[in-house]
Amino acid sequence: MLTGLVLSSAVVSFTIGVKAHGYLEEPSPSWEDSPNPEWVVNIDNYWDIGSGGDQCGLFKTMAAEKGVSVKDVVLDMVGSGNECGHTLADGTPQSVPTDGKAKWLGNGGGGFTHVGPCEIYIDDTMVLHGDNCEDEYPGGDVGSTITSDMPVDYSSCNGDCILTIYWLAFQNENWQAY
């Protein structure tokens, strides 16, 4: 049985005057204080892809041209020392979810609340990538308890691993990354 999953959630956001919109609910990360949907960094239009339109498509094209992943972009934005956002990399181990899912809970309930790509890693291995996680892993409406459920192959976690999620949400020219 797989146990001992330690979780890290890179929590970064790029908005002006807007609170973050969610966090990984299951498996549950260990928080510095309490579950915190707040952003770590606020950056306006990081790659200058404009406002509106197909921001997910533009990001996908530019990421391919630059040879980078969602993880690479988030880690570049947050800088050294903030890789885990408001969570602890050496937190309390959690059991691997029996349903094989990772669940994102929106700040006001529901799932992902903006368009944008996401990735999940177990240690250094990417186990999930979505180009637009709001569409690919829909949750309930704001106010509901229906999370965005993402299928994760936890088999590489042999009792001692770290799961990390990265999500870049696009809200016009403002980028939110979690």
C-alpha atoms as a PDB file:
ATOM      1  CA  MET A   1       0.000   0.000   0.000  1.00  0.00           C
ATOM      2  CA  LEU A   2       1.251   3.440  -0.858  1.00  0.00           C
ATOM      3  CA  THR A   3       1.504   5.743   2.129  1.00  0.00           C
ATOM      4  CA  GLY A   4       3.748   8.562   3.157  1.00  0.00           C
ATOM      5  CA  LEU A   5       2.892  11.012   0.390  1.00  0.00           C
ATOM      6  CA  VAL A   6       4.179  14.436   1.410  1.00  0.00           C
ATOM      7  CA  LEU A   7       2.556  17.309  -0.429  1.00  0.00           C
ATOM      8  CA  SER A   8       3.769  20.604  -1.679  1.00  0.00           C
ATOM      9  CA  SER A   9       1.589  23.087  -3.469  1.00  0.00           C
ATOM     10  CA  ALA A  10       3.282  25.863  -5.347  1.00  0.00           C
ATOM     11  CA  VAL A  11       0.914  28.701  -4.660  1.00  0.00           C
ATOM     12  CA  VAL A  12       1.567  31.751  -6.743  1.00  0.00           C
ATOM     13  CA  SER A  13      -0.781  34.319  -8.187  1.00  0.00           C
ATOM     14  CA  PHE A  14      -0.494  37.196 -10.580  1.00  0.00           C
ATOM     15  CA  THR A  15      -3.381  39.602 -10.097  1.00  0.00           C
ATOM     16  CA  ILE A  16      -3.926  43.094  -8.848  1.00  0.00           C
ATOM     17  CA  GLY A  17      -6.421  43.377  -6.019  1.00  0.00           C
ATOM     18  CA  VAL A  18      -7.886  39.906  -6.443  1.00  0.00           C
ATOM     19  CA  LYS A  19      -7.591  37.113  -3.898  1.00  0.00           C
ATOM     20  CA  ALA A  20      -6.383  33.701  -4.968  1.00  0.00           C
ATOM     21  CA  HIS A  21      -9.023  31.219  -5.990  1.00  0.00           C
ATOM     22  CA  GLY A  22      -8.279  27.841  -4.503  1.00  0.00           C
ATOM     23  CA  TYR A  23      -5.875  25.163  -3.409  1.00  0.00           C
ATOM     24  CA  LEU A  24      -5.210  21.438  -3.446  1.00  0.00           C
ATOM     25  CA  GLU A  25      -7.707  19.865  -1.068  1.00  0.00           C
ATOM     26  CA  GLU A  26      -6.851  16.191  -1.534  1.00  0.00           C
ATOM     27  CA  PRO A  27      -4.340  14.884  -0.830  1.00  0.00           C
ATOM     28  CA  SER A  28      -4.133  17.550   1.824  1.00  0.00           C
ATOM     29  CA  PRO A  29      -0.917  19.594   1.963  1.00  0.00           C
ATOM     30  CA  SER A  30       0.739  20.655   5.195  1.00  0.00           C
ATOM     31  CA  TRP A  31       0.291  24.419   5.461  1.00  0.00           C
ATOM     32  CA  GLU A  32       2.590  27.002   6.999  1.00  0.00           C
ATOM     33  CA  ASP A  33      -0.443  28.298   8.914  1.00  0.00           C
ATOM     34  CA  SER A  34      -3.857  27.192   7.626  1.00  0.00           C
ATOM     35  CA  PRO A  35      -5.278  26.384   4.176  1.00  0.00           C
ATOM     36  CA  ASN A  36      -4.335  29.483   2.241  1.00  0.00           C
ATOM     37  CA  PRO A  37      -5.575  30.379  -1.225  1.00  0.00           C
ATOM     38  CA  GLU A  38      -3.535  33.599  -1.275  1.00  0.00           C
ATOM     39  CA  TRP A  39      -0.963  34.263  -3.979  1.00  0.00           C
ATOM     40  CA  VAL A  40       2.756  34.415  -3.301  1.00  0.00           C
ATOM     41  CA  VAL A  41       3.811  36.686  -6.184  1.00  0.00           C
ATOM     42  CA  ASN A  42       1.844  39.246  -8.177  1.00  0.00           C
ATOM     43  CA  ILE A  43       3.074  39.697 -11.750  1.00  0.00           C
ATOM     44  CA  ASP A  44       1.211  41.475 -14.518  1.00  0.00           C
ATOM     45  CA  ASN A  45       1.294  39.935 -18.014  1.00  0.00           C
ATOM     46  CA  TYR A  46       4.495  37.938 -17.445  1.00  0.00           C
ATOM     47  CA  TRP A  47       5.005  37.050 -21.124  1.00  0.00           C
ATOM     48  CA  ASP A  48       3.005  39.912 -22.651  1.00  0.00           C
ATOM     49  CA  ILE A  49       0.460  37.629 -24.315  1.00  0.00           C
ATOM     50  CA  GLY A  50      -2.179  40.311 -24.128  1.00  0.00           C
ATOM     51  CA  SER A  51      -5.642  40.370 -22.679  1.00  0.00           C
ATOM     52  CA  GLY A  52      -8.489  38.058 -23.634  1.00  0.00           C
ATOM     53  CA  GLY A  53      -8.513  35.778 -26.636  1.00  0.00           C
ATOM     54  CA  ASP A  54      -6.971  32.315 -26.527  1.00  0.00           C
ATOM     55  CA  GLN A  55      -4.501  32.847 -23.700  1.00  0.00           C
ATOM     56  CA  CYS A  56      -4.172  29.094 -23.120  1.00  0.00           C
ATOM     57  CA  GLY A  57      -3.256  28.588 -26.773  1.00  0.00           C
ATOM     58  CA  LEU A  58      -0.819  31.504 -26.729  1.00  0.00           C
ATOM     59  CA  PHE A  59       0.824  30.189 -23.564  1.00  0.00           C
ATOM     60  CA  LYS A  60       1.087  26.681 -25.051  1.00  0.00           C
ATOM     61  CA  THR A  61       2.744  28.045 -28.211  1.00  0.00           C
ATOM     62  CA  MET A  62       5.176  30.277 -26.320  1.00  0.00           C
ATOM     63  CA  ALA A  63       6.030  27.548 -23.790  1.00  0.00           C
ATOM     64  CA  ALA A  64       6.858  25.184 -26.660  1.00  0.00           C
ATOM     65  CA  GLU A  65       8.974  27.854 -28.381  1.00  0.00           C
ATOM     66  CA  LYS A  66      10.835  28.540 -25.129  1.00  0.00           C
ATOM     67  CA  GLY A  67      11.088  24.844 -24.209  1.00  0.00           C
ATOM     68  CA  VAL A  68       9.526  25.327 -20.774  1.00  0.00           C
ATOM     69  CA  SER A  69       6.773  23.732 -18.711  1.00  0.00           C
ATOM     70  CA  VAL A  70       4.147  25.271 -16.449  1.00  0.00           C
ATOM     71  CA  LYS A  71       6.388  24.235 -13.533  1.00  0.00           C
ATOM     72  CA  ASP A  72       9.373  26.067 -15.062  1.00  0.00           C
ATOM     73  CA  VAL A  73       7.382  29.276 -15.477  1.00  0.00           C
ATOM     74  CA  VAL A  74       5.918  29.182 -11.958  1.00  0.00           C
ATOM     75  CA  LEU A  75       9.288  28.495 -10.340  1.00  0.00           C
ATOM     76  CA  ASP A  76      10.898  31.298 -12.341  1.00  0.00           C
ATOM     77  CA  MET A  77       8.184  33.702 -11.222  1.00  0.00           C
ATOM     78  CA  VAL A  78       8.186  32.838  -7.514  1.00  0.00           C
ATOM     79  CA  GLY A  79      11.949  32.862  -7.120  1.00  0.00           C
ATOM     80  CA  SER A  80      14.187  30.929  -4.798  1.00  0.00           C
ATOM     81  CA  GLY A  81      12.769  30.126  -1.395  1.00  0.00           C
ATOM     82  CA  ASN A  82       9.115  30.268  -2.451  1.00  0.00           C
ATOM     83  CA  GLU A  83       8.910  26.973  -4.341  1.00  0.00           C
ATOM     84  CA  CYS A  84       6.256  25.546  -2.003  1.00  0.00           C
ATOM     85  CA  GLY A  85       4.100  28.645  -1.716  1.00  0.00           C
ATOM     86  CA  HIS A  86       2.296  28.570   1.626  1.00  0.00           C
ATOM     87  CA  THR A  87       2.881  24.843   2.168  1.00  0.00           C
ATOM     88  CA  LEU A  88       5.634  22.782   3.771  1.00  0.00           C
ATOM     89  CA  ALA A  89       7.762  20.339   1.765  1.00  0.00           C
ATOM     90  CA  ASP A  90       8.576  18.444   4.967  1.00  0.00           C
ATOM     91  CA  GLY A  91       4.979  18.282   6.153  1.00  0.00           C
ATOM     92  CA  THR A  92       2.953  15.425   7.582  1.00  0.00           C
ATOM     93  CA  PRO A  93       2.830  12.424   5.227  1.00  0.00           C
ATOM     94  CA  GLN A  94      -0.598  11.701   3.751  1.00  0.00           C
ATOM     95  CA  SER A  95      -2.083   8.473   2.459  1.00  0.00           C
ATOM     96  CA  VAL A  96      -2.329   8.120  -1.286  1.00  0.00           C
ATOM     97  CA  PRO A  97      -5.970   8.726  -2.291  1.00  0.00           C
ATOM     98  CA  THR A  98      -7.710   5.414  -2.933  1.00  0.00           C
ATOM     99  CA  ASP A  99      -9.649   6.909  -5.857  1.00  0.00           C
ATOM    100  CA  GLY A 100      -6.436   7.907  -7.698  1.00  0.00           C
ATOM    101  CA  LYS A 101      -7.435  11.578  -7.843  1.00  0.00           C
ATOM    102  CA  ALA A 102      -5.981  14.908  -6.801  1.00  0.00           C
ATOM    103  CA  LYS A 103      -8.758  17.377  -5.940  1.00  0.00           C
ATOM    104  CA  TRP A 104      -8.677  21.153  -6.376  1.00  0.00           C
ATOM    105  CA  LEU A 105     -11.135  23.222  -4.327  1.00  0.00           C
ATOM    106  CA  GLY A 106     -12.018  26.738  -5.390  1.00  0.00           C
ATOM    107  CA  ASN A 107     -11.779  29.458  -2.735  1.00  0.00           C
ATOM    108  CA  GLY A 108     -15.563  29.936  -2.740  1.00  0.00           C
ATOM    109  CA  GLY A 109     -16.290  26.271  -3.450  1.00  0.00           C
ATOM    110  CA  GLY A 110     -16.312  24.426  -6.740  1.00  0.00           C
ATOM    111  CA  GLY A 111     -13.188  23.690  -8.761  1.00  0.00           C
ATOM    112  CA  PHE A 112     -10.837  25.663 -11.002  1.00  0.00           C
ATOM    113  CA  THR A 113     -12.192  29.175 -11.495  1.00  0.00           C
ATOM    114  CA  HIS A 114     -10.188  30.458 -14.473  1.00  0.00           C
ATOM    115  CA  VAL A 115      -8.768  29.117 -17.718  1.00  0.00           C
ATOM    116  CA  GLY A 116      -5.137  28.070 -17.673  1.00  0.00           C
ATOM    117  CA  PRO A 117      -2.716  25.143 -17.746  1.00  0.00           C
ATOM    118  CA  CYS A 118      -1.793  22.945 -14.785  1.00  0.00           C
ATOM    119  CA  GLU A 119       0.732  20.236 -14.006  1.00  0.00           C
ATOM    120  CA  ILE A 120       1.137  17.752 -11.177  1.00  0.00           C
ATOM    121  CA  TYR A 121       4.464  16.186 -10.280  1.00  0.00           C
ATOM    122  CA  ILE A 122       5.389  13.316  -8.012  1.00  0.00           C
ATOM    123  CA  ASP A 123       8.927  14.172  -7.015  1.00  0.00           C
ATOM    124  CA  ASP A 124      10.451  15.261 -10.365  1.00  0.00           C
ATOM    125  CA  THR A 125       8.114  13.224 -12.597  1.00  0.00           C
ATOM    126  CA  MET A 126       5.184  14.948 -14.302  1.00  0.00           C
ATOM    127  CA  VAL A 127       2.093  12.790 -13.770  1.00  0.00           C
ATOM    128  CA  LEU A 128      -0.540  15.183 -15.159  1.00  0.00           C
ATOM    129  CA  HIS A 129      -0.615  18.047 -17.649  1.00  0.00           C
ATOM    130  CA  GLY A 130      -3.619  20.004 -18.828  1.00  0.00           C
ATOM    131  CA  ASP A 131      -3.604  22.879 -21.317  1.00  0.00           C
ATOM    132  CA  ASN A 132      -6.770  24.346 -19.782  1.00  0.00           C
ATOM    133  CA  CYS A 133      -7.541  22.734 -16.452  1.00  0.00           C
ATOM    134  CA  GLU A 134     -10.810  24.593 -15.905  1.00  0.00           C
ATOM    135  CA  ASP A 135     -12.232  22.893 -19.028  1.00  0.00           C
ATOM    136  CA  GLU A 136     -10.394  19.570 -18.763  1.00  0.00           C
ATOM    137  CA  TYR A 137     -11.157  18.992 -15.063  1.00  0.00           C
ATOM    138  CA  PRO A 138     -14.424  20.815 -14.390  1.00  0.00           C
ATOM    139  CA  GLY A 139     -15.667  21.187 -10.846  1.00  0.00           C
ATOM    140  CA  GLY A 140     -18.909  22.560  -9.532  1.00  0.00           C
ATOM    141  CA  ASP A 141     -20.058  26.124  -9.570  1.00  0.00           C
ATOM    142  CA  VAL A 142     -18.707  28.589  -7.026  1.00  0.00           C
ATOM    143  CA  GLY A 143     -20.435  27.808  -3.747  1.00  0.00           C
ATOM    144  CA  SER A 144     -20.629  24.068  -4.391  1.00  0.00           C
ATOM    145  CA  THR A 145     -18.499  21.367  -2.803  1.00  0.00           C
ATOM    146  CA  ILE A 146     -17.752  19.693  -6.149  1.00  0.00           C
ATOM    147  CA  THR A 147     -13.976  19.801  -6.665  1.00  0.00           C
ATOM    148  CA  SER A 148     -11.993  19.614  -9.895  1.00  0.00           C
ATOM    149  CA  ASP A 149     -10.830  15.996  -9.827  1.00  0.00           C
ATOM    150  CA  MET A 150      -7.634  15.121 -11.703  1.00  0.00           C
ATOM    151  CA  PRO A 151      -6.561  11.519 -12.361  1.00  0.00           C
ATOM    152  CA  VAL A 152      -3.068  10.866 -11.003  1.00  0.00           C
ATOM    153  CA  ASP A 153      -0.948   7.734 -11.337  1.00  0.00           C
ATOM    154  CA  TYR A 154       0.452   7.475  -7.826  1.00  0.00           C
ATOM    155  CA  SER A 155       2.386   4.256  -8.551  1.00  0.00           C
ATOM    156  CA  SER A 156       5.756   6.049  -8.600  1.00  0.00           C
ATOM    157  CA  CYS A 157       5.212   7.022  -4.963  1.00  0.00           C
ATOM    158  CA  ASN A 158       6.731   4.115  -3.106  1.00  0.00           C
ATOM    159  CA  GLY A 159       5.846   5.341   0.366  1.00  0.00           C
ATOM    160  CA  ASP A 160       8.068   8.426   0.295  1.00  0.00           C
ATOM    161  CA  CYS A 161       7.394  11.112  -2.293  1.00  0.00           C
ATOM    162  CA  ILE A 162       6.351  14.724  -2.734  1.00  0.00           C
ATOM    163  CA  LEU A 163       3.359  15.712  -4.856  1.00  0.00           C
ATOM    164  CA  THR A 164       3.386  19.256  -6.240  1.00  0.00           C
ATOM    165  CA  ILE A 165       0.728  21.024  -8.299  1.00  0.00           C
ATOM    166  CA  TYR A 166       1.305  24.088 -10.486  1.00  0.00           C
ATOM    167  CA  TRP A 167      -1.607  26.006 -12.046  1.00  0.00           C
ATOM    168  CA  LEU A 168      -1.389  29.191 -14.133  1.00  0.00           C
ATOM    169  CA  ALA A 169      -4.776  30.888 -14.294  1.00  0.00           C
ATOM    170  CA  PHE A 170      -5.289  33.654 -16.820  1.00  0.00           C
ATOM    171  CA  GLN A 171      -7.514  36.565 -15.903  1.00  0.00           C
ATOM    172  CA  ASN A 172      -7.050  38.950 -18.797  1.00  0.00           C
ATOM    173  CA  GLU A 173      -3.503  40.382 -18.677  1.00  0.00           C
ATOM    174  CA  ASN A 174      -3.137  39.271 -15.053  1.00  0.00           C
ATOM    175  CA  TRP A 175      -1.689  35.848 -14.425  1.00  0.00           C
ATOM    176  CA  GLN A 176      -2.532  33.845 -11.330  1.00  0.00           C
ATOM    177  CA  ALA A 177      -0.374  30.844 -10.609  1.00  0.00           C
ATOM    178  CA  TYR A 178      -0.995  28.360  -7.864  1.00  0.00           C
END
